[in-house]
Amino acid sequence: MAAAYDLFAQRGIRDVGIAELISRAGVAKATFYGHFASKDDLVLAFLERCHQVWTVEQIISESRRRADNPIAQLLAIFDVLDGWFRRDDFEACSFMNTMLEMGASHPLGKAAAGYLAQVRDFMRTLAAEAGLDEPDRFARSCHILTKGSIIAAVEGDQEAAIWAKRMALCLIADHGGTAPLTSPRPGTS
C-alpha cells in the first residue's frame, strides 16, 4: 500500500504498472495477487486510504477541532487546505486526479467521485447545523470553491485557499449566515 500510495499520488493510475508496483513494494507477484485480485482493487484500496487520511483525518476532524461552531468549521476547511497547499509534498487531490484520468463512468472514477461527495456531504451537514438556507445548494457551491482552489494550487497559487475562503464568506452570507468574529479555538491555527 505504501508503494502504491506514493506512485499513484505522484504519477496517477495509468502510468504505474503492476510490475513496477510489485518491484517497488519488494514483494513477490503471488503475494501481491494474494492481497489484490487486480490493479483496480489496489487503486480502490489506495482511494480508501486517501479518504481516511485526507477527508476523515484532515478535513473533517481538523476543521471540527479548530472551531466550535459550524460556520467557523466550514471556514476552517479552507485553513486546512491552505496548510496542505503550502507543504513541500503537496500532490493535488488523488480523487480529482483519478476521476479525471479514468473518467466519471469508470468504476475507479465513480469511487473517486463518491469520496469527493463525502466532503460535500460534510459541508451540507455543517450548513444545516448552522441553519443556512438551502444547505444542499450551499454545499455544492462551497465544494466548487474547494475543488477550484486545489486546481489553482496545482497551478502554483499558494494563496488559493485564502481566496476561496473569502468567497466562502460571501457564500455563507448569501445563504443567510454570518461569519463568527472568532472562529478558531484558542491554541489552534
N, C-alpha and C. Protein backbone atom coordinates (compact mmCIF):
# COMPACT_ATOMS: atom_id res chain seq x y z
N MET A 1 0.82 -1.20 0.00
CA MET A 1 0.00 0.00 0.00
C MET A 1 0.86 1.26 0.00
N ALA A 2 1.95 1.24 0.78
CA ALA A 2 2.81 2.43 0.84
C ALA A 2 3.40 2.73 -0.53
N ALA A 3 3.86 1.70 -1.22
CA ALA A 3 4.43 1.90 -2.56
C ALA A 3 3.36 2.40 -3.52
N ALA A 4 2.18 1.81 -3.46
CA ALA A 4 1.09 2.24 -4.34
C ALA A 4 0.70 3.68 -4.05
N TYR A 5 0.60 4.02 -2.77
CA TYR A 5 0.21 5.38 -2.40
C TYR A 5 1.18 6.39 -3.01
N ASP A 6 2.47 6.16 -2.83
CA ASP A 6 3.47 7.09 -3.38
C ASP A 6 3.40 7.17 -4.90
N LEU A 7 3.35 6.02 -5.55
CA LEU A 7 3.35 6.02 -7.02
C LEU A 7 2.07 6.63 -7.60
N PHE A 8 0.91 6.21 -7.10
CA PHE A 8 -0.34 6.74 -7.63
C PHE A 8 -0.49 8.23 -7.35
N ALA A 9 -0.09 8.68 -6.16
CA ALA A 9 -0.22 10.08 -5.81
C ALA A 9 0.69 10.95 -6.68
N GLN A 10 1.86 10.43 -7.02
CA GLN A 10 2.82 11.22 -7.80
C GLN A 10 2.56 11.16 -9.30
N ARG A 11 2.13 9.98 -9.80
CA ARG A 11 2.10 9.80 -11.24
C ARG A 11 0.74 9.44 -11.81
N GLY A 12 -0.23 9.19 -10.98
CA GLY A 12 -1.53 8.80 -11.48
C GLY A 12 -1.67 7.30 -11.55
N ILE A 13 -2.79 6.85 -12.09
CA ILE A 13 -3.13 5.44 -12.10
C ILE A 13 -2.56 4.72 -13.33
N ARG A 14 -2.84 5.23 -14.49
CA ARG A 14 -2.46 4.54 -15.74
C ARG A 14 -0.96 4.46 -15.95
N ASP A 15 -0.22 5.42 -15.43
CA ASP A 15 1.22 5.47 -15.66
C ASP A 15 1.99 4.44 -14.83
N VAL A 16 1.34 3.85 -13.85
CA VAL A 16 2.00 2.91 -12.94
C VAL A 16 1.52 1.50 -13.26
N GLY A 17 2.49 0.64 -13.61
CA GLY A 17 2.14 -0.74 -13.94
C GLY A 17 2.29 -1.67 -12.75
N ILE A 18 1.69 -2.85 -12.88
CA ILE A 18 1.75 -3.86 -11.82
C ILE A 18 3.19 -4.26 -11.53
N ALA A 19 3.99 -4.47 -12.58
CA ALA A 19 5.38 -4.89 -12.38
C ALA A 19 6.15 -3.86 -11.55
N GLU A 20 5.93 -2.58 -11.84
CA GLU A 20 6.59 -1.53 -11.08
C GLU A 20 6.11 -1.51 -9.63
N LEU A 21 4.82 -1.69 -9.43
CA LEU A 21 4.27 -1.74 -8.07
C LEU A 21 4.88 -2.88 -7.27
N ILE A 22 4.93 -4.05 -7.87
CA ILE A 22 5.49 -5.23 -7.20
C ILE A 22 6.96 -5.01 -6.88
N SER A 23 7.70 -4.47 -7.84
CA SER A 23 9.13 -4.20 -7.63
C SER A 23 9.34 -3.17 -6.53
N ARG A 24 8.60 -2.07 -6.57
CA ARG A 24 8.74 -1.01 -5.57
C ARG A 24 8.37 -1.52 -4.18
N ALA A 25 7.35 -2.36 -4.10
CA ALA A 25 6.90 -2.90 -2.81
C ALA A 25 7.85 -3.98 -2.29
N GLY A 26 8.63 -4.56 -3.18
CA GLY A 26 9.55 -5.62 -2.76
C GLY A 26 8.84 -6.89 -2.36
N VAL A 27 7.76 -7.19 -3.07
CA VAL A 27 7.00 -8.41 -2.78
C VAL A 27 6.98 -9.29 -4.02
N ALA A 28 6.65 -10.56 -3.80
CA ALA A 28 6.50 -11.48 -4.91
C ALA A 28 5.16 -11.23 -5.60
N LYS A 29 5.10 -11.60 -6.87
CA LYS A 29 3.87 -11.44 -7.64
C LYS A 29 2.72 -12.18 -6.95
N ALA A 30 2.98 -13.37 -6.45
CA ALA A 30 1.94 -14.15 -5.76
C ALA A 30 1.46 -13.44 -4.51
N THR A 31 2.36 -12.76 -3.81
CA THR A 31 1.98 -12.01 -2.60
C THR A 31 1.05 -10.87 -2.98
N PHE A 32 1.42 -10.16 -4.04
CA PHE A 32 0.57 -9.06 -4.50
C PHE A 32 -0.83 -9.57 -4.81
N TYR A 33 -0.90 -10.62 -5.64
CA TYR A 33 -2.21 -11.12 -6.05
C TYR A 33 -2.93 -11.85 -4.92
N GLY A 34 -2.22 -12.20 -3.88
CA GLY A 34 -2.86 -12.75 -2.69
C GLY A 34 -3.65 -11.69 -1.93
N HIS A 35 -3.23 -10.44 -2.09
CA HIS A 35 -3.91 -9.32 -1.42
C HIS A 35 -4.88 -8.58 -2.33
N PHE A 36 -4.54 -8.49 -3.60
CA PHE A 36 -5.36 -7.73 -4.54
C PHE A 36 -5.57 -8.55 -5.80
N ALA A 37 -6.81 -8.74 -6.18
CA ALA A 37 -7.13 -9.53 -7.37
C ALA A 37 -6.72 -8.82 -8.66
N SER A 38 -6.64 -7.48 -8.60
CA SER A 38 -6.30 -6.71 -9.79
C SER A 38 -5.71 -5.35 -9.37
N LYS A 39 -5.19 -4.66 -10.35
CA LYS A 39 -4.71 -3.31 -10.09
C LYS A 39 -5.86 -2.41 -9.65
N ASP A 40 -7.03 -2.59 -10.23
CA ASP A 40 -8.18 -1.78 -9.83
C ASP A 40 -8.51 -1.98 -8.35
N ASP A 41 -8.38 -3.21 -7.85
CA ASP A 41 -8.62 -3.45 -6.42
C ASP A 41 -7.61 -2.69 -5.57
N LEU A 42 -6.36 -2.64 -6.03
CA LEU A 42 -5.34 -1.87 -5.32
C LEU A 42 -5.66 -0.38 -5.36
N VAL A 43 -6.11 0.11 -6.50
CA VAL A 43 -6.48 1.52 -6.62
C VAL A 43 -7.64 1.84 -5.68
N LEU A 44 -8.62 0.95 -5.58
CA LEU A 44 -9.72 1.17 -4.65
C LEU A 44 -9.22 1.25 -3.21
N ALA A 45 -8.25 0.41 -2.86
CA ALA A 45 -7.66 0.47 -1.51
C ALA A 45 -6.89 1.77 -1.32
N PHE A 46 -6.21 2.22 -2.36
CA PHE A 46 -5.49 3.49 -2.33
C PHE A 46 -6.47 4.65 -2.10
N LEU A 47 -7.59 4.64 -2.82
CA LEU A 47 -8.57 5.71 -2.66
C LEU A 47 -9.18 5.69 -1.25
N GLU A 48 -9.41 4.50 -0.71
CA GLU A 48 -9.91 4.40 0.66
C GLU A 48 -8.90 4.98 1.64
N ARG A 49 -7.62 4.71 1.41
CA ARG A 49 -6.57 5.27 2.28
C ARG A 49 -6.53 6.80 2.16
N CYS A 50 -6.64 7.31 0.95
CA CYS A 50 -6.69 8.77 0.75
C CYS A 50 -7.88 9.36 1.49
N HIS A 51 -9.01 8.68 1.41
CA HIS A 51 -10.21 9.15 2.11
C HIS A 51 -9.95 9.23 3.61
N GLN A 52 -9.36 8.19 4.16
CA GLN A 52 -9.10 8.17 5.60
C GLN A 52 -8.14 9.29 5.99
N VAL A 53 -7.05 9.42 5.26
CA VAL A 53 -6.01 10.41 5.60
C VAL A 53 -6.49 11.83 5.35
N TRP A 54 -7.07 12.09 4.18
CA TRP A 54 -7.39 13.47 3.81
C TRP A 54 -8.79 13.89 4.22
N THR A 55 -9.78 13.09 3.89
CA THR A 55 -11.15 13.50 4.19
C THR A 55 -11.45 13.39 5.68
N VAL A 56 -11.22 12.21 6.25
CA VAL A 56 -11.60 11.98 7.64
C VAL A 56 -10.65 12.66 8.61
N GLU A 57 -9.34 12.38 8.47
CA GLU A 57 -8.38 12.87 9.46
C GLU A 57 -8.02 14.35 9.28
N GLN A 58 -8.01 14.82 8.06
CA GLN A 58 -7.63 16.21 7.84
C GLN A 58 -8.85 17.13 7.77
N ILE A 59 -9.64 16.97 6.75
CA ILE A 59 -10.72 17.93 6.54
C ILE A 59 -11.78 17.86 7.64
N ILE A 60 -12.33 16.69 7.88
CA ILE A 60 -13.43 16.59 8.85
C ILE A 60 -12.92 16.78 10.29
N SER A 61 -11.99 15.95 10.70
CA SER A 61 -11.52 16.01 12.10
C SER A 61 -10.85 17.34 12.41
N GLU A 62 -10.01 17.79 11.51
CA GLU A 62 -9.25 19.01 11.78
C GLU A 62 -10.14 20.24 11.77
N SER A 63 -11.10 20.33 10.87
CA SER A 63 -11.98 21.52 10.87
C SER A 63 -12.86 21.51 12.12
N ARG A 64 -13.29 20.35 12.57
CA ARG A 64 -14.08 20.27 13.82
C ARG A 64 -13.21 20.63 15.02
N ARG A 65 -11.94 20.22 14.99
CA ARG A 65 -11.03 20.52 16.10
C ARG A 65 -10.70 22.01 16.18
N ARG A 66 -10.59 22.64 15.04
CA ARG A 66 -10.16 24.03 15.00
C ARG A 66 -11.23 25.03 15.41
N ALA A 67 -12.48 24.64 15.34
CA ALA A 67 -13.55 25.61 15.61
C ALA A 67 -14.69 24.92 16.35
N ASP A 68 -15.47 25.75 17.05
CA ASP A 68 -16.53 25.18 17.88
C ASP A 68 -17.94 25.48 17.39
N ASN A 69 -18.08 26.05 16.20
CA ASN A 69 -19.41 26.25 15.64
C ASN A 69 -19.37 25.92 14.15
N PRO A 70 -20.50 25.55 13.56
CA PRO A 70 -20.48 25.03 12.20
C PRO A 70 -20.00 26.02 11.13
N ILE A 71 -20.30 27.28 11.27
CA ILE A 71 -19.81 28.22 10.25
C ILE A 71 -18.28 28.35 10.34
N ALA A 72 -17.78 28.45 11.53
CA ALA A 72 -16.32 28.51 11.70
C ALA A 72 -15.67 27.22 11.21
N GLN A 73 -16.34 26.10 11.39
CA GLN A 73 -15.81 24.83 10.90
C GLN A 73 -15.80 24.79 9.38
N LEU A 74 -16.83 25.35 8.76
CA LEU A 74 -16.82 25.46 7.30
C LEU A 74 -15.62 26.27 6.83
N LEU A 75 -15.38 27.38 7.49
CA LEU A 75 -14.25 28.23 7.10
C LEU A 75 -12.91 27.57 7.42
N ALA A 76 -12.88 26.75 8.47
CA ALA A 76 -11.64 26.05 8.83
C ALA A 76 -11.22 25.06 7.76
N ILE A 77 -12.17 24.57 6.98
CA ILE A 77 -11.80 23.68 5.86
C ILE A 77 -10.79 24.37 4.96
N PHE A 78 -10.98 25.65 4.72
CA PHE A 78 -10.07 26.39 3.85
C PHE A 78 -8.71 26.61 4.53
N ASP A 79 -8.71 26.71 5.85
CA ASP A 79 -7.44 26.80 6.57
C ASP A 79 -6.66 25.50 6.46
N VAL A 80 -7.38 24.38 6.54
CA VAL A 80 -6.74 23.07 6.36
C VAL A 80 -6.15 22.98 4.95
N LEU A 81 -6.93 23.37 3.96
CA LEU A 81 -6.43 23.36 2.59
C LEU A 81 -5.21 24.26 2.43
N ASP A 82 -5.26 25.44 3.06
CA ASP A 82 -4.13 26.37 2.97
C ASP A 82 -2.85 25.72 3.49
N GLY A 83 -2.92 25.03 4.61
CA GLY A 83 -1.75 24.35 5.14
C GLY A 83 -1.26 23.27 4.19
N TRP A 84 -2.19 22.54 3.58
CA TRP A 84 -1.85 21.48 2.63
C TRP A 84 -1.16 22.07 1.40
N PHE A 85 -1.69 23.17 0.87
CA PHE A 85 -1.12 23.77 -0.34
C PHE A 85 0.30 24.27 -0.11
N ARG A 86 0.65 24.60 1.10
CA ARG A 86 1.97 25.16 1.40
C ARG A 86 3.01 24.09 1.74
N ARG A 87 2.58 22.84 1.78
CA ARG A 87 3.52 21.75 2.09
C ARG A 87 4.42 21.49 0.90
N ASP A 88 5.65 21.11 1.18
CA ASP A 88 6.60 20.78 0.11
C ASP A 88 6.15 19.55 -0.67
N ASP A 89 5.41 18.66 -0.03
CA ASP A 89 4.98 17.44 -0.70
C ASP A 89 3.53 17.52 -1.22
N PHE A 90 3.01 18.75 -1.40
CA PHE A 90 1.66 18.91 -1.94
C PHE A 90 1.57 18.18 -3.27
N GLU A 91 0.58 17.33 -3.40
CA GLU A 91 0.49 16.46 -4.58
C GLU A 91 -0.85 16.54 -5.30
N ALA A 92 -1.67 17.49 -4.98
CA ALA A 92 -3.01 17.63 -5.57
C ALA A 92 -3.96 16.63 -4.95
N CYS A 93 -5.11 16.49 -5.50
CA CYS A 93 -6.17 15.64 -4.94
C CYS A 93 -6.25 14.34 -5.73
N SER A 94 -5.95 13.25 -5.08
CA SER A 94 -5.97 11.95 -5.76
C SER A 94 -7.36 11.58 -6.26
N PHE A 95 -8.41 12.04 -5.56
CA PHE A 95 -9.77 11.76 -6.03
C PHE A 95 -10.03 12.47 -7.36
N MET A 96 -9.69 13.75 -7.40
CA MET A 96 -9.91 14.51 -8.63
C MET A 96 -9.04 13.95 -9.75
N ASN A 97 -7.78 13.66 -9.43
CA ASN A 97 -6.87 13.12 -10.44
C ASN A 97 -7.40 11.80 -11.00
N THR A 98 -7.84 10.92 -10.12
CA THR A 98 -8.34 9.61 -10.56
C THR A 98 -9.59 9.76 -11.41
N MET A 99 -10.50 10.60 -10.97
CA MET A 99 -11.73 10.80 -11.72
C MET A 99 -11.44 11.38 -13.11
N LEU A 100 -10.55 12.36 -13.17
CA LEU A 100 -10.21 12.96 -14.47
C LEU A 100 -9.46 11.98 -15.36
N GLU A 101 -8.56 11.22 -14.76
CA GLU A 101 -7.75 10.28 -15.53
C GLU A 101 -8.57 9.09 -16.04
N MET A 102 -9.42 8.55 -15.19
CA MET A 102 -10.14 7.34 -15.54
C MET A 102 -11.51 7.62 -16.17
N GLY A 103 -12.05 8.79 -15.92
CA GLY A 103 -13.37 9.14 -16.44
C GLY A 103 -14.45 8.88 -15.40
N ALA A 104 -15.47 9.67 -15.43
CA ALA A 104 -16.54 9.62 -14.43
C ALA A 104 -17.35 8.33 -14.50
N SER A 105 -17.37 7.65 -15.64
CA SER A 105 -18.16 6.42 -15.76
C SER A 105 -17.37 5.16 -15.42
N HIS A 106 -16.06 5.25 -15.32
CA HIS A 106 -15.22 4.10 -14.96
C HIS A 106 -15.44 3.80 -13.48
N PRO A 107 -15.41 2.54 -13.08
CA PRO A 107 -15.61 2.21 -11.66
C PRO A 107 -14.66 2.96 -10.70
N LEU A 108 -13.42 3.20 -11.12
CA LEU A 108 -12.49 3.95 -10.27
C LEU A 108 -12.88 5.43 -10.23
N GLY A 109 -13.33 5.96 -11.35
CA GLY A 109 -13.82 7.34 -11.39
C GLY A 109 -15.05 7.51 -10.51
N LYS A 110 -15.94 6.52 -10.55
CA LYS A 110 -17.14 6.56 -9.70
C LYS A 110 -16.76 6.50 -8.22
N ALA A 111 -15.78 5.66 -7.89
CA ALA A 111 -15.33 5.57 -6.49
C ALA A 111 -14.75 6.90 -6.04
N ALA A 112 -13.92 7.50 -6.88
CA ALA A 112 -13.32 8.79 -6.54
C ALA A 112 -14.39 9.86 -6.36
N ALA A 113 -15.37 9.88 -7.26
CA ALA A 113 -16.47 10.84 -7.14
C ALA A 113 -17.26 10.62 -5.85
N GLY A 114 -17.40 9.38 -5.46
CA GLY A 114 -18.09 9.07 -4.21
C GLY A 114 -17.36 9.63 -3.00
N TYR A 115 -16.04 9.54 -3.02
CA TYR A 115 -15.27 10.10 -1.91
C TYR A 115 -15.35 11.63 -1.90
N LEU A 116 -15.32 12.23 -3.07
CA LEU A 116 -15.50 13.69 -3.15
C LEU A 116 -16.88 14.08 -2.62
N ALA A 117 -17.88 13.28 -2.91
CA ALA A 117 -19.23 13.58 -2.43
C ALA A 117 -19.30 13.56 -0.91
N GLN A 118 -18.43 12.79 -0.26
CA GLN A 118 -18.44 12.74 1.20
C GLN A 118 -17.96 14.06 1.80
N VAL A 119 -17.06 14.74 1.10
CA VAL A 119 -16.65 16.08 1.56
C VAL A 119 -17.82 17.03 1.42
N ARG A 120 -18.51 16.95 0.28
CA ARG A 120 -19.69 17.80 0.06
C ARG A 120 -20.77 17.49 1.11
N ASP A 121 -20.95 16.22 1.44
CA ASP A 121 -21.93 15.85 2.47
C ASP A 121 -21.57 16.46 3.82
N PHE A 122 -20.28 16.47 4.14
CA PHE A 122 -19.83 17.09 5.39
C PHE A 122 -20.16 18.58 5.38
N MET A 123 -19.94 19.24 4.26
CA MET A 123 -20.28 20.66 4.14
C MET A 123 -21.78 20.87 4.28
N ARG A 124 -22.56 19.99 3.70
CA ARG A 124 -24.02 20.08 3.81
C ARG A 124 -24.44 19.94 5.27
N THR A 125 -23.84 19.01 5.98
CA THR A 125 -24.14 18.81 7.39
C THR A 125 -23.84 20.06 8.19
N LEU A 126 -22.67 20.65 7.96
CA LEU A 126 -22.30 21.87 8.68
C LEU A 126 -23.26 23.01 8.33
N ALA A 127 -23.62 23.12 7.05
CA ALA A 127 -24.54 24.18 6.63
C ALA A 127 -25.89 24.02 7.32
N ALA A 128 -26.38 22.79 7.41
CA ALA A 128 -27.65 22.53 8.09
C ALA A 128 -27.53 22.84 9.58
N GLU A 129 -26.42 22.43 10.21
CA GLU A 129 -26.20 22.73 11.62
C GLU A 129 -26.17 24.23 11.87
N ALA A 130 -25.64 24.98 10.90
CA ALA A 130 -25.55 26.44 11.03
C ALA A 130 -26.87 27.14 10.71
N GLY A 131 -27.83 26.39 10.20
CA GLY A 131 -29.12 26.99 9.85
C GLY A 131 -29.07 27.78 8.56
N LEU A 132 -28.10 27.48 7.68
CA LEU A 132 -28.02 28.19 6.41
C LEU A 132 -29.18 27.80 5.51
N ASP A 133 -29.62 28.73 4.69
CA ASP A 133 -30.66 28.46 3.70
C ASP A 133 -30.12 27.48 2.66
N GLU A 134 -30.96 26.58 2.24
CA GLU A 134 -30.62 25.62 1.18
C GLU A 134 -29.25 24.97 1.38
N PRO A 135 -29.11 24.16 2.42
CA PRO A 135 -27.81 23.55 2.73
C PRO A 135 -27.21 22.75 1.58
N ASP A 136 -28.07 22.08 0.79
CA ASP A 136 -27.54 21.30 -0.33
C ASP A 136 -26.92 22.21 -1.39
N ARG A 137 -27.64 23.25 -1.75
CA ARG A 137 -27.12 24.20 -2.75
C ARG A 137 -25.85 24.88 -2.23
N PHE A 138 -25.87 25.24 -0.94
CA PHE A 138 -24.67 25.82 -0.34
C PHE A 138 -23.49 24.86 -0.45
N ALA A 139 -23.71 23.60 -0.07
CA ALA A 139 -22.62 22.62 -0.08
C ALA A 139 -22.07 22.42 -1.49
N ARG A 140 -22.94 22.37 -2.47
CA ARG A 140 -22.47 22.21 -3.85
C ARG A 140 -21.60 23.40 -4.27
N SER A 141 -22.02 24.59 -3.91
CA SER A 141 -21.25 25.79 -4.26
C SER A 141 -19.93 25.84 -3.50
N CYS A 142 -19.98 25.54 -2.22
CA CYS A 142 -18.77 25.57 -1.41
C CYS A 142 -17.77 24.51 -1.86
N HIS A 143 -18.30 23.37 -2.28
CA HIS A 143 -17.43 22.30 -2.78
C HIS A 143 -16.72 22.72 -4.06
N ILE A 144 -17.42 23.46 -4.88
CA ILE A 144 -16.78 24.01 -6.09
C ILE A 144 -15.60 24.90 -5.69
N LEU A 145 -15.77 25.69 -4.63
CA LEU A 145 -14.67 26.54 -4.17
C LEU A 145 -13.47 25.72 -3.71
N THR A 146 -13.72 24.63 -2.99
CA THR A 146 -12.58 23.83 -2.53
C THR A 146 -11.87 23.16 -3.70
N LYS A 147 -12.65 22.57 -4.61
CA LYS A 147 -12.02 21.90 -5.76
C LYS A 147 -11.30 22.91 -6.65
N GLY A 148 -11.89 24.07 -6.84
CA GLY A 148 -11.23 25.10 -7.64
C GLY A 148 -9.94 25.57 -7.00
N SER A 149 -9.93 25.67 -5.68
CA SER A 149 -8.71 26.11 -5.01
C SER A 149 -7.62 25.06 -5.14
N ILE A 150 -7.99 23.78 -5.16
CA ILE A 150 -6.99 22.73 -5.35
C ILE A 150 -6.36 22.85 -6.73
N ILE A 151 -7.17 23.06 -7.74
CA ILE A 151 -6.63 23.24 -9.10
C ILE A 151 -5.73 24.46 -9.16
N ALA A 152 -6.15 25.57 -8.56
CA ALA A 152 -5.32 26.78 -8.55
C ALA A 152 -4.01 26.52 -7.83
N ALA A 153 -4.03 25.75 -6.74
CA ALA A 153 -2.79 25.43 -6.02
C ALA A 153 -1.88 24.57 -6.88
N VAL A 154 -2.44 23.64 -7.63
CA VAL A 154 -1.63 22.82 -8.55
C VAL A 154 -0.96 23.72 -9.58
N GLU A 155 -1.66 24.77 -9.99
CA GLU A 155 -1.10 25.72 -10.95
C GLU A 155 -0.02 26.61 -10.32
N GLY A 156 0.14 26.52 -8.99
CA GLY A 156 1.18 27.28 -8.32
C GLY A 156 0.70 28.40 -7.42
N ASP A 157 -0.61 28.59 -7.29
CA ASP A 157 -1.15 29.65 -6.45
C ASP A 157 -1.29 29.17 -5.01
N GLN A 158 -0.29 29.45 -4.19
CA GLN A 158 -0.32 29.03 -2.80
C GLN A 158 -1.36 29.79 -1.98
N GLU A 159 -1.86 30.88 -2.50
CA GLU A 159 -2.88 31.67 -1.80
C GLU A 159 -4.30 31.23 -2.15
N ALA A 160 -4.44 30.19 -2.94
CA ALA A 160 -5.75 29.78 -3.46
C ALA A 160 -6.78 29.53 -2.37
N ALA A 161 -6.40 28.88 -1.30
CA ALA A 161 -7.36 28.60 -0.23
C ALA A 161 -7.79 29.87 0.49
N ILE A 162 -6.90 30.83 0.58
CA ILE A 162 -7.24 32.11 1.21
C ILE A 162 -8.29 32.83 0.38
N TRP A 163 -8.08 32.85 -0.94
CA TRP A 163 -9.05 33.49 -1.83
C TRP A 163 -10.38 32.75 -1.79
N ALA A 164 -10.33 31.43 -1.80
CA ALA A 164 -11.56 30.64 -1.75
C ALA A 164 -12.30 30.87 -0.43
N LYS A 165 -11.57 31.02 0.66
CA LYS A 165 -12.20 31.28 1.95
C LYS A 165 -12.95 32.62 1.92
N ARG A 166 -12.36 33.61 1.28
CA ARG A 166 -13.03 34.90 1.16
C ARG A 166 -14.33 34.76 0.37
N MET A 167 -14.31 33.94 -0.68
CA MET A 167 -15.53 33.70 -1.45
C MET A 167 -16.54 32.91 -0.63
N ALA A 168 -16.05 32.00 0.20
CA ALA A 168 -16.95 31.22 1.07
C ALA A 168 -17.69 32.13 2.05
N LEU A 169 -17.02 33.17 2.54
CA LEU A 169 -17.69 34.13 3.42
C LEU A 169 -18.89 34.77 2.71
N CYS A 170 -18.71 35.13 1.45
CA CYS A 170 -19.81 35.70 0.66
C CYS A 170 -20.91 34.66 0.45
N LEU A 171 -20.52 33.45 0.21
CA LEU A 171 -21.48 32.37 0.01
C LEU A 171 -22.30 32.12 1.29
N ILE A 172 -21.62 32.15 2.42
CA ILE A 172 -22.31 31.99 3.71
C ILE A 172 -23.34 33.11 3.89
N ALA A 173 -22.93 34.33 3.62
CA ALA A 173 -23.85 35.47 3.74
C ALA A 173 -25.02 35.32 2.77
N ASP A 174 -24.74 34.84 1.56
CA ASP A 174 -25.78 34.64 0.55
C ASP A 174 -26.82 33.61 0.99
N HIS A 175 -26.41 32.74 1.90
CA HIS A 175 -27.31 31.69 2.39
C HIS A 175 -27.83 32.00 3.80
N GLY A 176 -27.75 33.27 4.18
CA GLY A 176 -28.37 33.72 5.42
C GLY A 176 -27.53 33.56 6.67
N GLY A 177 -26.27 33.31 6.52
CA GLY A 177 -25.41 33.15 7.69
C GLY A 177 -24.48 34.33 7.88
N THR A 178 -23.88 34.38 9.03
CA THR A 178 -22.85 35.38 9.30
C THR A 178 -21.64 34.66 9.84
N ALA A 179 -20.49 35.16 9.47
CA ALA A 179 -19.24 34.56 9.94
C ALA A 179 -19.01 34.96 11.38
N PRO A 180 -18.55 34.02 12.20
CA PRO A 180 -18.26 34.36 13.59
C PRO A 180 -17.07 35.30 13.68
N LEU A 181 -17.08 36.13 14.68
CA LEU A 181 -15.95 37.07 14.84
C LEU A 181 -14.68 36.33 15.22
N THR A 182 -14.80 35.29 15.99
CA THR A 182 -13.64 34.49 16.36
C THR A 182 -13.94 33.05 16.05
N SER A 183 -13.41 32.57 14.92
CA SER A 183 -13.72 31.21 14.51
C SER A 183 -12.78 30.16 15.10
N PRO A 184 -11.48 30.40 15.17
CA PRO A 184 -10.64 29.31 15.68
C PRO A 184 -10.76 29.15 17.18
N ARG A 185 -10.53 27.95 17.63
CA ARG A 185 -10.44 27.70 19.06
C ARG A 185 -9.09 28.19 19.54
N PRO A 186 -8.98 28.61 20.78
CA PRO A 186 -7.69 29.04 21.30
C PRO A 186 -6.63 27.96 21.14
N GLY A 187 -5.45 28.36 20.74
CA GLY A 187 -4.34 27.43 20.58
C GLY A 187 -4.31 26.71 19.26
N THR A 188 -5.21 27.06 18.32
CA THR A 188 -5.19 26.45 17.00
C THR A 188 -4.90 27.50 15.97
N SER A 189 -4.52 27.04 14.80
CA SER A 189 -4.27 27.99 13.71
C SER A 189 -5.07 27.62 12.51
